[in-house]
Amino acid sequence: MTKTVAERRESELNASIDPILLTQQLCEIESTTYREGEVGDFIEKYLLERGWDVEKTAVPQPVDGGQGPRWNIYASVSGIAPAVVFSTHMDTVPPYVPFTRDAEHLYGRGVCDAKGIMAAQIVAAHRLRAEGYAVGLLFVSGEERDSAGAKVANLNPKGSRYLINGEPTGNRLAIASKGSLRTQLRAAGKIAHSAYPELGDSAVHKLVEALQRLLKADWPVDEFAGDTTLNVGQICGGHAPNVIADEAEAQLLFRLVGDARPVREKILSLADGLAEVEFTLELPFVRLKTVEGLPTMIAKFTTDIPKLTNWGEPLLLGPGTIHVAHTLEERISIAELSDAVDIYQQLVRQLLQ
């Protein structure tokens, strides 16, 4: 039978879905957190051209954040509720690093966290759709900061039984994912000339003492998931070297291996009298579903999974290593990215048998 022009066009588009090329196209669009609008527009157009029904949902900017539109993108087979939804995030951490490649690797911001994963999920979903599987795709904004897109998506689930979330796990299924507790310490003092410290009260000195207490403290350990860890990510305060500081602030991130409550209580106790404490983000430690025959790992990082509770039983898997994510050397093996397409298909087939 002779194909129509539209049918030939669709066939050509379907045949052209290459995860390596698609990763490049995605990574050439700068989409650090709060600037996801353009990459969302690209994905919407890309999926519409390949026969998916696409919903684009606005994600609000924070009051003190970026400007311009940002989106969640959801794609499905027309008229069919998905049994499995693939999901990952469109935003990346700064700074933007241009895309490059060689014979074995792709390089640049997002190649493994998580635009390469997104490309592999799109190709896998497209092939599974052709086999008759009811699959969907959910790509969200804001995972690298506050899971803003996941929170919006969780208000409008589509009835899926399983959610396959994509993060760099080396193509292994994560059996657990650490939680996060983002914490802000703010110390106050009295400004004075540094030649007469007795006339002032240094907020910086208070903050340093509070941080020393936290860094020397013992934190919960789980036999299954390992240690609770602490990173002091940002410190600021004071006005000049010759001025006693009247204010100082630090941003901390704890990686949790259990209930956050005892960690919060200990932080408050250790900082008492030195700094005010504010808990700005909390994501719980989670144990995850595994599937026979697939290798496993424990993810020491946090994902959007705790904010997508209405999208089905979660699994966590993706190509690439988290060890190079968020670095200037971010990269992914071309072979591993290609393997991920097959592994995602295998996973869905096993889940739905």
C-alpha atoms as a PDB file:
ATOM      1  CA  MET A   1       0.000   0.000   0.000  1.00  0.00           C
ATOM      2  CA  THR A   2       1.307   3.433  -0.906  1.00  0.00           C
ATOM      3  CA  LYS A   3       1.909   5.645   2.135  1.00  0.00           C
ATOM      4  CA  THR A   4       0.509   9.143   2.317  1.00  0.00           C
ATOM      5  CA  VAL A   5       2.841  12.117   2.735  1.00  0.00           C
ATOM      6  CA  ALA A   6       1.863  12.343   6.414  1.00  0.00           C
ATOM      7  CA  GLU A   7       2.542   8.639   6.963  1.00  0.00           C
ATOM      8  CA  ARG A   8       5.935   8.862   5.271  1.00  0.00           C
ATOM      9  CA  ARG A   9       6.785  11.903   7.395  1.00  0.00           C
ATOM     10  CA  GLU A  10       5.834  10.072  10.599  1.00  0.00           C
ATOM     11  CA  SER A  11       7.842   7.005   9.542  1.00  0.00           C
ATOM     12  CA  GLU A  12      10.901   9.161   8.851  1.00  0.00           C
ATOM     13  CA  LEU A  13      10.594  10.905  12.228  1.00  0.00           C
ATOM     14  CA  ASN A  14      10.195   7.605  14.076  1.00  0.00           C
ATOM     15  CA  ALA A  15      13.219   6.077  12.390  1.00  0.00           C
ATOM     16  CA  SER A  16      15.330   9.114  13.286  1.00  0.00           C
ATOM     17  CA  ILE A  17      15.009   8.745  17.071  1.00  0.00           C
ATOM     18  CA  ASP A  18      18.635   8.301  18.063  1.00  0.00           C
ATOM     19  CA  PRO A  19      19.424   8.641  21.791  1.00  0.00           C
ATOM     20  CA  ILE A  20      22.883  10.078  21.096  1.00  0.00           C
ATOM     21  CA  LEU A  21      21.642  12.779  18.722  1.00  0.00           C
ATOM     22  CA  LEU A  22      18.692  13.564  20.978  1.00  0.00           C
ATOM     23  CA  THR A  23      21.021  13.942  23.976  1.00  0.00           C
ATOM     24  CA  GLN A  24      23.090  16.416  21.970  1.00  0.00           C
ATOM     25  CA  GLN A  25      20.004  18.398  20.951  1.00  0.00           C
ATOM     26  CA  LEU A  26      18.812  18.576  24.562  1.00  0.00           C
ATOM     27  CA  CYS A  27      22.226  19.509  25.953  1.00  0.00           C
ATOM     28  CA  GLU A  28      22.688  22.312  23.433  1.00  0.00           C
ATOM     29  CA  ILE A  29      19.733  24.053  25.109  1.00  0.00           C
ATOM     30  CA  GLU A  30      20.843  25.727  28.339  1.00  0.00           C
ATOM     31  CA  SER A  31      18.302  24.890  31.060  1.00  0.00           C
ATOM     32  CA  THR A  32      19.786  25.538  34.469  1.00  0.00           C
ATOM     33  CA  THR A  33      17.121  25.604  37.168  1.00  0.00           C
ATOM     34  CA  TYR A  34      14.486  28.351  36.654  1.00  0.00           C
ATOM     35  CA  ARG A  35      15.333  28.458  32.910  1.00  0.00           C
ATOM     36  CA  GLU A  36      13.589  25.291  31.717  1.00  0.00           C
ATOM     37  CA  GLY A  37      11.182  26.994  29.300  1.00  0.00           C
ATOM     38  CA  GLU A  38      13.106  26.520  26.054  1.00  0.00           C
ATOM     39  CA  VAL A  39      13.983  22.876  26.595  1.00  0.00           C
ATOM     40  CA  GLY A  40      10.365  22.172  27.534  1.00  0.00           C
ATOM     41  CA  ASP A  41       9.203  23.767  24.294  1.00  0.00           C
ATOM     42  CA  PHE A  42      11.658  21.613  22.338  1.00  0.00           C
ATOM     43  CA  ILE A  43      10.496  18.382  23.993  1.00  0.00           C
ATOM     44  CA  GLU A  44       6.847  19.263  23.427  1.00  0.00           C
ATOM     45  CA  LYS A  45       7.406  19.811  19.701  1.00  0.00           C
ATOM     46  CA  TYR A  46       9.645  16.732  19.394  1.00  0.00           C
ATOM     47  CA  LEU A  47       7.052  14.416  20.939  1.00  0.00           C
ATOM     48  CA  LEU A  48       4.058  15.916  19.130  1.00  0.00           C
ATOM     49  CA  GLU A  49       5.813  15.312  15.813  1.00  0.00           C
ATOM     50  CA  ARG A  50       6.212  11.657  16.762  1.00  0.00           C
ATOM     51  CA  GLY A  51       2.593  10.996  17.544  1.00  0.00           C
ATOM     52  CA  TRP A  52       2.406  11.515  21.304  1.00  0.00           C
ATOM     53  CA  ASP A  53      -0.368  13.403  23.055  1.00  0.00           C
ATOM     54  CA  VAL A  54       1.435  16.106  25.047  1.00  0.00           C
ATOM     55  CA  GLU A  55       0.380  18.215  28.032  1.00  0.00           C
ATOM     56  CA  LYS A  56       2.492  21.229  28.988  1.00  0.00           C
ATOM     57  CA  THR A  57       1.880  22.491  32.521  1.00  0.00           C
ATOM     58  CA  ALA A  58       3.298  25.736  33.890  1.00  0.00           C
ATOM     59  CA  VAL A  59       5.563  25.536  36.942  1.00  0.00           C
ATOM     60  CA  PRO A  60       5.678  28.773  38.961  1.00  0.00           C
ATOM     61  CA  GLN A  61       8.900  30.678  39.465  1.00  0.00           C
ATOM     62  CA  PRO A  62       9.929  31.300  43.093  1.00  0.00           C
ATOM     63  CA  VAL A  63       9.439  34.814  44.393  1.00  0.00           C
ATOM     64  CA  ASP A  64      13.206  35.393  44.494  1.00  0.00           C
ATOM     65  CA  GLY A  65      14.108  33.065  41.623  1.00  0.00           C
ATOM     66  CA  GLY A  66      14.238  33.270  37.842  1.00  0.00           C
ATOM     67  CA  GLN A  67      12.099  34.826  35.151  1.00  0.00           C
ATOM     68  CA  GLY A  68      10.280  33.472  32.132  1.00  0.00           C
ATOM     69  CA  PRO A  69       8.206  30.330  31.590  1.00  0.00           C
ATOM     70  CA  ARG A  70       9.063  26.900  32.920  1.00  0.00           C
ATOM     71  CA  TRP A  71       7.136  23.708  32.339  1.00  0.00           C
ATOM     72  CA  ASN A  72       6.371  20.119  33.093  1.00  0.00           C
ATOM     73  CA  ILE A  73       5.902  17.955  30.002  1.00  0.00           C
ATOM     74  CA  TYR A  74       3.660  14.874  30.086  1.00  0.00           C
ATOM     75  CA  ALA A  75       3.263  12.634  27.019  1.00  0.00           C
ATOM     76  CA  SER A  76       0.994   9.635  26.533  1.00  0.00           C
ATOM     77  CA  VAL A  77      -0.669   7.417  23.956  1.00  0.00           C
ATOM     78  CA  SER A  78      -3.969   8.963  22.908  1.00  0.00           C
ATOM     79  CA  GLY A  79      -6.890   7.620  24.924  1.00  0.00           C
ATOM     80  CA  ILE A  80      -4.841   5.100  26.926  1.00  0.00           C
ATOM     81  CA  ALA A  81      -4.002   5.402  30.635  1.00  0.00           C
ATOM     82  CA  PRO A  82      -0.321   4.513  31.186  1.00  0.00           C
ATOM     83  CA  ALA A  83       0.662   1.456  33.187  1.00  0.00           C
ATOM     84  CA  VAL A  84       4.235   2.739  33.485  1.00  0.00           C
ATOM     85  CA  VAL A  85       5.530   6.306  33.349  1.00  0.00           C
ATOM     86  CA  PHE A  86       9.163   7.204  32.724  1.00  0.00           C
ATOM     87  CA  SER A  87      10.234  10.394  34.475  1.00  0.00           C
ATOM     88  CA  THR A  88      13.254  12.609  34.993  1.00  0.00           C
ATOM     89  CA  HIS A  89      14.081  16.309  35.226  1.00  0.00           C
ATOM     90  CA  MET A  90      14.784  18.915  32.549  1.00  0.00           C
ATOM     91  CA  ASP A  91      16.774  21.328  34.705  1.00  0.00           C
ATOM     92  CA  THR A  92      20.516  21.171  35.331  1.00  0.00           C
ATOM     93  CA  VAL A  93      22.859  22.718  37.853  1.00  0.00           C
ATOM     94  CA  PRO A  94      24.962  25.745  36.863  1.00  0.00           C
ATOM     95  CA  PRO A  95      27.254  26.586  35.255  1.00  0.00           C
ATOM     96  CA  TYR A  96      26.299  25.669  31.710  1.00  0.00           C
ATOM     97  CA  VAL A  97      28.994  23.526  30.038  1.00  0.00           C
ATOM     98  CA  PRO A  98      28.798  23.237  26.202  1.00  0.00           C
ATOM     99  CA  PHE A  99      28.232  19.850  24.595  1.00  0.00           C
ATOM    100  CA  THR A 100      31.157  17.968  23.033  1.00  0.00           C
ATOM    101  CA  ARG A 101      31.830  14.338  22.174  1.00  0.00           C
ATOM    102  CA  ASP A 102      34.522  11.886  21.155  1.00  0.00           C
ATOM    103  CA  ALA A 103      34.392   8.295  19.975  1.00  0.00           C
ATOM    104  CA  GLU A 104      33.419   6.892  23.387  1.00  0.00           C
ATOM    105  CA  HIS A 105      31.839   9.653  25.491  1.00  0.00           C
ATOM    106  CA  LEU A 106      29.479  12.623  25.464  1.00  0.00           C
ATOM    107  CA  TYR A 107      30.488  15.641  27.555  1.00  0.00           C
ATOM    108  CA  GLY A 108      28.716  18.737  28.848  1.00  0.00           C
ATOM    109  CA  ARG A 109      26.079  19.893  31.267  1.00  0.00           C
ATOM    110  CA  GLY A 110      23.216  17.439  31.473  1.00  0.00           C
ATOM    111  CA  VAL A 111      24.686  14.525  29.512  1.00  0.00           C
ATOM    112  CA  CYS A 112      24.224  12.250  32.536  1.00  0.00           C
ATOM    113  CA  ASP A 113      22.117  14.432  34.857  1.00  0.00           C
ATOM    114  CA  ALA A 114      19.684  14.029  33.298  1.00  0.00           C
ATOM    115  CA  LYS A 115      19.258  14.817  29.585  1.00  0.00           C
ATOM    116  CA  GLY A 116      20.960  11.647  28.385  1.00  0.00           C
ATOM    117  CA  ILE A 117      18.567   9.755  30.637  1.00  0.00           C
ATOM    118  CA  MET A 118      15.650  11.700  29.175  1.00  0.00           C
ATOM    119  CA  ALA A 119      16.737  10.767  25.649  1.00  0.00           C
ATOM    120  CA  ALA A 120      17.052   7.071  26.570  1.00  0.00           C
ATOM    121  CA  GLN A 121      13.589   7.133  28.158  1.00  0.00           C
ATOM    122  CA  ILE A 122      12.032   8.750  25.091  1.00  0.00           C
ATOM    123  CA  VAL A 123      13.521   6.151  22.755  1.00  0.00           C
ATOM    124  CA  ALA A 124      12.555   3.254  25.064  1.00  0.00           C
ATOM    125  CA  ALA A 125       9.006   4.569  25.467  1.00  0.00           C
ATOM    126  CA  HIS A 126       8.647   5.027  21.724  1.00  0.00           C
ATOM    127  CA  ARG A 127       9.702   1.427  21.046  1.00  0.00           C
ATOM    128  CA  LEU A 128       7.487   0.070  23.833  1.00  0.00           C
ATOM    129  CA  ARG A 129       4.543   2.027  22.437  1.00  0.00           C
ATOM    130  CA  ALA A 130       5.105   0.326  19.083  1.00  0.00           C
ATOM    131  CA  GLU A 131       4.916  -3.058  20.888  1.00  0.00           C
ATOM    132  CA  GLY A 132       1.571  -2.116  22.415  1.00  0.00           C
ATOM    133  CA  TYR A 133       2.664  -1.248  25.946  1.00  0.00           C
ATOM    134  CA  ALA A 134       0.787   1.536  27.747  1.00  0.00           C
ATOM    135  CA  VAL A 135       3.614   3.900  28.661  1.00  0.00           C
ATOM    136  CA  GLY A 136       3.915   7.606  29.415  1.00  0.00           C
ATOM    137  CA  LEU A 137       6.640  10.217  29.841  1.00  0.00           C
ATOM    138  CA  LEU A 138       6.888  12.891  32.546  1.00  0.00           C
ATOM    139  CA  PHE A 139       9.642  15.505  32.473  1.00  0.00           C
ATOM    140  CA  VAL A 140       9.688  18.089  35.249  1.00  0.00           C
ATOM    141  CA  SER A 141      11.336  21.366  36.213  1.00  0.00           C
ATOM    142  CA  GLY A 142      13.190  22.241  39.380  1.00  0.00           C
ATOM    143  CA  GLU A 143      14.532  18.923  40.668  1.00  0.00           C
ATOM    144  CA  GLU A 144      17.968  20.399  41.349  1.00  0.00           C
ATOM    145  CA  ARG A 145      16.568  22.988  43.772  1.00  0.00           C
ATOM    146  CA  ASP A 146      13.217  22.214  45.380  1.00  0.00           C
ATOM    147  CA  SER A 147      11.294  19.645  43.281  1.00  0.00           C
ATOM    148  CA  ALA A 148       8.869  22.391  42.234  1.00  0.00           C
ATOM    149  CA  GLY A 149       7.825  20.585  39.068  1.00  0.00           C
ATOM    150  CA  ALA A 150       7.304  17.269  40.857  1.00  0.00           C
ATOM    151  CA  LYS A 151       5.040  18.961  43.392  1.00  0.00           C
ATOM    152  CA  VAL A 152       2.913  20.372  40.559  1.00  0.00           C
ATOM    153  CA  ALA A 153       2.829  17.018  38.729  1.00  0.00           C
ATOM    154  CA  ASN A 154       1.738  15.173  41.853  1.00  0.00           C
ATOM    155  CA  LEU A 155      -1.504  17.145  41.830  1.00  0.00           C
ATOM    156  CA  ASN A 156      -2.469  15.609  38.464  1.00  0.00           C
ATOM    157  CA  PRO A 157      -1.492  11.895  38.321  1.00  0.00           C
ATOM    158  CA  LYS A 158      -2.546   9.728  35.380  1.00  0.00           C
ATOM    159  CA  GLY A 159      -3.270   6.428  37.128  1.00  0.00           C
ATOM    160  CA  SER A 160       0.040   4.680  36.399  1.00  0.00           C
ATOM    161  CA  ARG A 161       0.986   1.564  38.375  1.00  0.00           C
ATOM    162  CA  TYR A 162       4.740   2.214  38.220  1.00  0.00           C
ATOM    163  CA  LEU A 163       7.008   5.251  38.008  1.00  0.00           C
ATOM    164  CA  ILE A 164      10.505   4.695  36.606  1.00  0.00           C
ATOM    165  CA  ASN A 165      12.513   7.703  37.716  1.00  0.00           C
ATOM    166  CA  GLY A 166      15.779   8.415  35.942  1.00  0.00           C
ATOM    167  CA  GLU A 167      18.968   9.480  37.688  1.00  0.00           C
ATOM    168  CA  PRO A 168      22.584   8.344  37.118  1.00  0.00           C
ATOM    169  CA  THR A 169      22.787   4.903  38.746  1.00  0.00           C
ATOM    170  CA  GLY A 170      25.143   3.177  36.300  1.00  0.00           C
ATOM    171  CA  ASN A 171      22.168   1.322  34.778  1.00  0.00           C
ATOM    172  CA  ARG A 172      21.576  -0.412  38.120  1.00  0.00           C
ATOM    173  CA  LEU A 173      18.307  -0.417  40.041  1.00  0.00           C
ATOM    174  CA  ALA A 174      18.552   1.582  43.249  1.00  0.00           C
ATOM    175  CA  ILE A 175      17.226  -0.312  46.257  1.00  0.00           C
ATOM    176  CA  ALA A 176      17.192   2.872  48.348  1.00  0.00           C
ATOM    177  CA  SER A 177      17.692   6.609  48.011  1.00  0.00           C
ATOM    178  CA  LYS A 178      18.970   8.867  50.775  1.00  0.00           C
ATOM    179  CA  GLY A 179      16.830  11.755  51.932  1.00  0.00           C
ATOM    180  CA  SER A 180      17.805  15.415  52.149  1.00  0.00           C
ATOM    181  CA  LEU A 181      17.530  18.046  54.852  1.00  0.00           C
ATOM    182  CA  ARG A 182      18.514  21.492  53.623  1.00  0.00           C
ATOM    183  CA  THR A 183      19.330  23.750  56.563  1.00  0.00           C
ATOM    184  CA  GLN A 184      20.115  27.449  56.958  1.00  0.00           C
ATOM    185  CA  LEU A 185      22.046  28.851  59.928  1.00  0.00           C
ATOM    186  CA  ARG A 186      21.849  32.577  60.535  1.00  0.00           C
ATOM    187  CA  ALA A 187      23.974  34.261  63.238  1.00  0.00           C
ATOM    188  CA  ALA A 188      23.571  37.827  64.486  1.00  0.00           C
ATOM    189  CA  GLY A 189      26.111  40.040  66.251  1.00  0.00           C
ATOM    190  CA  LYS A 190      27.118  43.644  66.877  1.00  0.00           C
ATOM    191  CA  ILE A 191      29.152  45.690  64.435  1.00  0.00           C
ATOM    192  CA  ALA A 192      32.347  47.399  65.676  1.00  0.00           C
ATOM    193  CA  HIS A 193      35.877  48.378  64.656  1.00  0.00           C
ATOM    194  CA  SER A 194      38.043  45.259  64.473  1.00  0.00           C
ATOM    195  CA  ALA A 195      40.762  46.968  66.570  1.00  0.00           C
ATOM    196  CA  TYR A 196      38.322  46.928  69.498  1.00  0.00           C
ATOM    197  CA  PRO A 197      36.629  43.506  69.360  1.00  0.00           C
ATOM    198  CA  GLU A 198      35.409  43.945  72.923  1.00  0.00           C
ATOM    199  CA  LEU A 199      33.007  46.614  71.638  1.00  0.00           C
ATOM    200  CA  GLY A 200      31.363  44.251  69.182  1.00  0.00           C
ATOM    201  CA  ASP A 201      30.024  40.724  68.897  1.00  0.00           C
ATOM    202  CA  SER A 202      31.127  38.750  65.830  1.00  0.00           C
ATOM    203  CA  ALA A 203      28.363  36.906  64.006  1.00  0.00           C
ATOM    204  CA  VAL A 204      31.018  35.143  61.914  1.00  0.00           C
ATOM    205  CA  HIS A 205      32.724  33.739  65.017  1.00  0.00           C
ATOM    206  CA  LYS A 206      29.369  32.453  66.296  1.00  0.00           C
ATOM    207  CA  LEU A 207      28.610  30.837  62.971  1.00  0.00           C
ATOM    208  CA  VAL A 208      32.035  29.194  62.805  1.00  0.00           C
ATOM    209  CA  GLU A 209      31.588  27.739  66.272  1.00  0.00           C
ATOM    210  CA  ALA A 210      28.132  26.396  65.397  1.00  0.00           C
ATOM    211  CA  LEU A 211      29.497  24.792  62.237  1.00  0.00           C
ATOM    212  CA  GLN A 212      32.389  23.221  64.140  1.00  0.00           C
ATOM    213  CA  ARG A 213      29.927  21.632  66.552  1.00  0.00           C
ATOM    214  CA  LEU A 214      27.876  20.217  63.669  1.00  0.00           C
ATOM    215  CA  LEU A 215      30.903  18.932  61.762  1.00  0.00           C
ATOM    216  CA  LYS A 216      32.313  17.151  64.831  1.00  0.00           C
ATOM    217  CA  ALA A 217      28.977  15.606  65.855  1.00  0.00           C
ATOM    218  CA  ASP A 218      27.983  11.986  65.350  1.00  0.00           C
ATOM    219  CA  TRP A 219      24.996  11.530  63.030  1.00  0.00           C
ATOM    220  CA  PRO A 220      22.741   8.505  62.453  1.00  0.00           C
ATOM    221  CA  VAL A 221      24.131   5.446  60.691  1.00  0.00           C
ATOM    222  CA  ASP A 222      22.001   2.781  59.009  1.00  0.00           C
ATOM    223  CA  GLU A 223      23.413  -0.696  58.446  1.00  0.00           C
ATOM    224  CA  PHE A 224      21.564  -0.898  55.144  1.00  0.00           C
ATOM    225  CA  ALA A 225      22.100   2.628  53.713  1.00  0.00           C
ATOM    226  CA  GLY A 226      25.281   3.899  55.409  1.00  0.00           C
ATOM    227  CA  ASP A 227      26.067   7.219  57.092  1.00  0.00           C
ATOM    228  CA  THR A 228      24.184  10.471  57.409  1.00  0.00           C
ATOM    229  CA  THR A 229      26.472  13.039  55.771  1.00  0.00           C
ATOM    230  CA  LEU A 230      26.776  16.814  56.076  1.00  0.00           C
ATOM    231  CA  ASN A 231      28.000  19.328  53.528  1.00  0.00           C
ATOM    232  CA  VAL A 232      28.502  23.020  54.338  1.00  0.00           C
ATOM    233  CA  GLY A 233      27.794  24.326  50.859  1.00  0.00           C
ATOM    234  CA  GLN A 234      27.766  28.115  51.254  1.00  0.00           C
ATOM    235  CA  ILE A 235      28.972  30.664  53.825  1.00  0.00           C
ATOM    236  CA  CYS A 236      28.588  34.420  53.724  1.00  0.00           C
ATOM    237  CA  GLY A 237      28.681  37.294  56.183  1.00  0.00           C
ATOM    238  CA  GLY A 238      30.390  40.418  57.420  1.00  0.00           C
ATOM    239  CA  HIS A 239      31.386  43.586  55.593  1.00  0.00           C
ATOM    240  CA  ALA A 240      35.196  43.844  55.589  1.00  0.00           C
ATOM    241  CA  PRO A 241      38.251  42.331  57.315  1.00  0.00           C
ATOM    242  CA  ASN A 242      38.523  45.348  59.625  1.00  0.00           C
ATOM    243  CA  VAL A 243      34.863  45.292  60.713  1.00  0.00           C
ATOM    244  CA  ILE A 244      33.333  43.055  63.376  1.00  0.00           C
ATOM    245  CA  ALA A 245      30.558  41.184  61.542  1.00  0.00           C
ATOM    246  CA  ASP A 246      27.000  41.771  62.642  1.00  0.00           C
ATOM    247  CA  GLU A 247      25.540  39.012  60.448  1.00  0.00           C
ATOM    248  CA  ALA A 248      26.602  35.685  58.936  1.00  0.00           C
ATOM    249  CA  GLU A 249      24.821  32.838  57.211  1.00  0.00           C
ATOM    250  CA  ALA A 250      25.532  29.272  56.076  1.00  0.00           C
ATOM    251  CA  GLN A 251      23.660  26.825  53.837  1.00  0.00           C
ATOM    252  CA  LEU A 252      23.967  23.137  54.772  1.00  0.00           C
ATOM    253  CA  LEU A 253      22.732  19.884  53.287  1.00  0.00           C
ATOM    254  CA  PHE A 254      22.335  16.667  55.267  1.00  0.00           C
ATOM    255  CA  ARG A 255      21.902  13.357  53.411  1.00  0.00           C
ATOM    256  CA  LEU A 256      19.537  11.252  55.502  1.00  0.00           C
ATOM    257  CA  VAL A 257      19.446   7.495  56.098  1.00  0.00           C
ATOM    258  CA  GLY A 258      16.322   7.486  58.236  1.00  0.00           C
ATOM    259  CA  ASP A 259      13.871   9.710  60.075  1.00  0.00           C
ATOM    260  CA  ALA A 260      14.755  13.410  59.879  1.00  0.00           C
ATOM    261  CA  ARG A 261      13.358  14.255  63.305  1.00  0.00           C
ATOM    262  CA  PRO A 262      16.381  13.279  65.467  1.00  0.00           C
ATOM    263  CA  VAL A 263      18.673  15.090  63.012  1.00  0.00           C
ATOM    264  CA  ARG A 264      16.603  18.277  63.239  1.00  0.00           C
ATOM    265  CA  GLU A 265      16.545  18.093  67.036  1.00  0.00           C
ATOM    266  CA  LYS A 266      20.316  17.667  67.237  1.00  0.00           C
ATOM    267  CA  ILE A 267      20.963  20.590  64.884  1.00  0.00           C
ATOM    268  CA  LEU A 268      18.748  22.844  66.986  1.00  0.00           C
ATOM    269  CA  SER A 269      20.508  21.750  70.183  1.00  0.00           C
ATOM    270  CA  LEU A 270      24.049  22.252  68.838  1.00  0.00           C
ATOM    271  CA  ALA A 271      23.281  25.658  67.300  1.00  0.00           C
ATOM    272  CA  ASP A 272      21.426  26.932  70.366  1.00  0.00           C
ATOM    273  CA  GLY A 273      22.777  30.285  71.550  1.00  0.00           C
ATOM    274  CA  LEU A 274      24.905  30.723  68.421  1.00  0.00           C
ATOM    275  CA  ALA A 275      22.623  30.787  65.378  1.00  0.00           C
ATOM    276  CA  GLU A 276      19.006  30.644  64.344  1.00  0.00           C
ATOM    277  CA  VAL A 277      18.088  27.525  62.372  1.00  0.00           C
ATOM    278  CA  GLU A 278      15.667  27.213  59.465  1.00  0.00           C
ATOM    279  CA  PHE A 279      14.901  23.957  57.664  1.00  0.00           C
ATOM    280  CA  THR A 280      14.228  24.962  54.069  1.00  0.00           C
ATOM    281  CA  LEU A 281      13.715  21.571  52.372  1.00  0.00           C
ATOM    282  CA  GLU A 282      13.123  18.035  53.576  1.00  0.00           C
ATOM    283  CA  LEU A 283      12.920  14.918  51.405  1.00  0.00           C
ATOM    284  CA  PRO A 284      12.663  11.538  53.137  1.00  0.00           C
ATOM    285  CA  PHE A 285      14.871   8.476  52.884  1.00  0.00           C
ATOM    286  CA  VAL A 286      13.095   5.853  50.733  1.00  0.00           C
ATOM    287  CA  ARG A 287      13.430   2.140  50.046  1.00  0.00           C
ATOM    288  CA  LEU A 288      12.641   1.144  46.459  1.00  0.00           C
ATOM    289  CA  LYS A 289      11.283  -1.743  44.415  1.00  0.00           C
ATOM    290  CA  THR A 290      13.714  -4.128  42.736  1.00  0.00           C
ATOM    291  CA  VAL A 291      13.243  -6.497  39.813  1.00  0.00           C
ATOM    292  CA  GLU A 292      14.827  -9.925  39.463  1.00  0.00           C
ATOM    293  CA  GLY A 293      17.838 -10.109  37.177  1.00  0.00           C
ATOM    294  CA  LEU A 294      18.881  -6.459  37.320  1.00  0.00           C
ATOM    295  CA  PRO A 295      21.945  -5.356  39.333  1.00  0.00           C
ATOM    296  CA  THR A 296      21.339  -3.010  42.258  1.00  0.00           C
ATOM    297  CA  MET A 297      22.910  -0.103  44.134  1.00  0.00           C
ATOM    298  CA  ILE A 298      22.130   2.390  46.917  1.00  0.00           C
ATOM    299  CA  ALA A 299      21.695   5.988  45.778  1.00  0.00           C
ATOM    300  CA  LYS A 300      23.377   8.362  48.219  1.00  0.00           C
ATOM    301  CA  PHE A 301      21.571  11.254  46.549  1.00  0.00           C
ATOM    302  CA  THR A 302      17.961  12.465  46.599  1.00  0.00           C
ATOM    303  CA  THR A 303      15.458  12.428  43.744  1.00  0.00           C
ATOM    304  CA  ASP A 304      11.966  13.669  42.880  1.00  0.00           C
ATOM    305  CA  ILE A 305      10.481  10.324  43.932  1.00  0.00           C
ATOM    306  CA  PRO A 306       9.275  11.517  47.380  1.00  0.00           C
ATOM    307  CA  LYS A 307       7.294  14.287  45.645  1.00  0.00           C
ATOM    308  CA  LEU A 308       5.712  11.984  43.023  1.00  0.00           C
ATOM    309  CA  THR A 309       3.870   9.664  45.390  1.00  0.00           C
ATOM    310  CA  ASN A 310       0.681   9.654  43.286  1.00  0.00           C
ATOM    311  CA  TRP A 311       2.357   8.263  40.152  1.00  0.00           C
ATOM    312  CA  GLY A 312       2.690   4.623  41.161  1.00  0.00           C
ATOM    313  CA  GLU A 313       5.250   2.387  42.820  1.00  0.00           C
ATOM    314  CA  PRO A 314       8.668   3.989  42.231  1.00  0.00           C
ATOM    315  CA  LEU A 315      11.805   2.525  40.711  1.00  0.00           C
ATOM    316  CA  LEU A 316      15.090   4.370  40.169  1.00  0.00           C
ATOM    317  CA  LEU A 317      17.465   3.634  37.282  1.00  0.00           C
ATOM    318  CA  GLY A 318      19.512   5.476  34.686  1.00  0.00           C
ATOM    319  CA  PRO A 319      22.805   5.491  32.775  1.00  0.00           C
ATOM    320  CA  GLY A 320      25.854   7.460  33.888  1.00  0.00           C
ATOM    321  CA  THR A 321      27.622   7.966  37.193  1.00  0.00           C
ATOM    322  CA  ILE A 322      26.641  10.515  39.810  1.00  0.00           C
ATOM    323  CA  HIS A 323      30.370  10.959  40.540  1.00  0.00           C
ATOM    324  CA  VAL A 324      30.744  13.305  37.552  1.00  0.00           C
ATOM    325  CA  ALA A 325      27.310  14.925  37.747  1.00  0.00           C
ATOM    326  CA  HIS A 326      27.434  18.565  38.943  1.00  0.00           C
ATOM    327  CA  THR A 327      31.090  18.813  37.858  1.00  0.00           C
ATOM    328  CA  LEU A 328      32.850  20.494  34.950  1.00  0.00           C
ATOM    329  CA  GLU A 329      33.846  16.978  33.772  1.00  0.00           C
ATOM    330  CA  GLU A 330      30.276  15.711  33.406  1.00  0.00           C
ATOM    331  CA  ARG A 331      30.216  12.892  30.847  1.00  0.00           C
ATOM    332  CA  ILE A 332      28.471   9.676  29.858  1.00  0.00           C
ATOM    333  CA  SER A 333      29.591   6.615  27.947  1.00  0.00           C
ATOM    334  CA  ILE A 334      27.906   6.307  24.546  1.00  0.00           C
ATOM    335  CA  ALA A 335      27.720   2.541  25.030  1.00  0.00           C
ATOM    336  CA  GLU A 336      26.090   2.884  28.460  1.00  0.00           C
ATOM    337  CA  LEU A 337      23.562   5.396  27.136  1.00  0.00           C
ATOM    338  CA  SER A 338      22.633   3.022  24.300  1.00  0.00           C
ATOM    339  CA  ASP A 339      22.391   0.097  26.739  1.00  0.00           C
ATOM    340  CA  ALA A 340      19.967   2.095  28.888  1.00  0.00           C
ATOM    341  CA  VAL A 341      17.366   2.058  26.110  1.00  0.00           C
ATOM    342  CA  ASP A 342      17.353  -1.754  26.125  1.00  0.00           C
ATOM    343  CA  ILE A 343      17.398  -1.947  29.922  1.00  0.00           C
ATOM    344  CA  TYR A 344      14.417   0.397  30.236  1.00  0.00           C
ATOM    345  CA  GLN A 345      12.484  -1.757  27.758  1.00  0.00           C
ATOM    346  CA  GLN A 346      13.435  -4.937  29.618  1.00  0.00           C
ATOM    347  CA  LEU A 347      12.334  -3.396  32.914  1.00  0.00           C
ATOM    348  CA  VAL A 348       8.897  -2.417  31.609  1.00  0.00           C
ATOM    349  CA  ARG A 349       8.318  -5.836  30.059  1.00  0.00           C
ATOM    350  CA  GLN A 350       9.158  -7.536  33.377  1.00  0.00           C
ATOM    351  CA  LEU A 351       6.973  -5.189  35.391  1.00  0.00           C
ATOM    352  CA  LEU A 352       3.957  -5.761  33.150  1.00  0.00           C
ATOM    353  CA  GLN A 353       4.259  -9.495  32.579  1.00  0.00           C
END
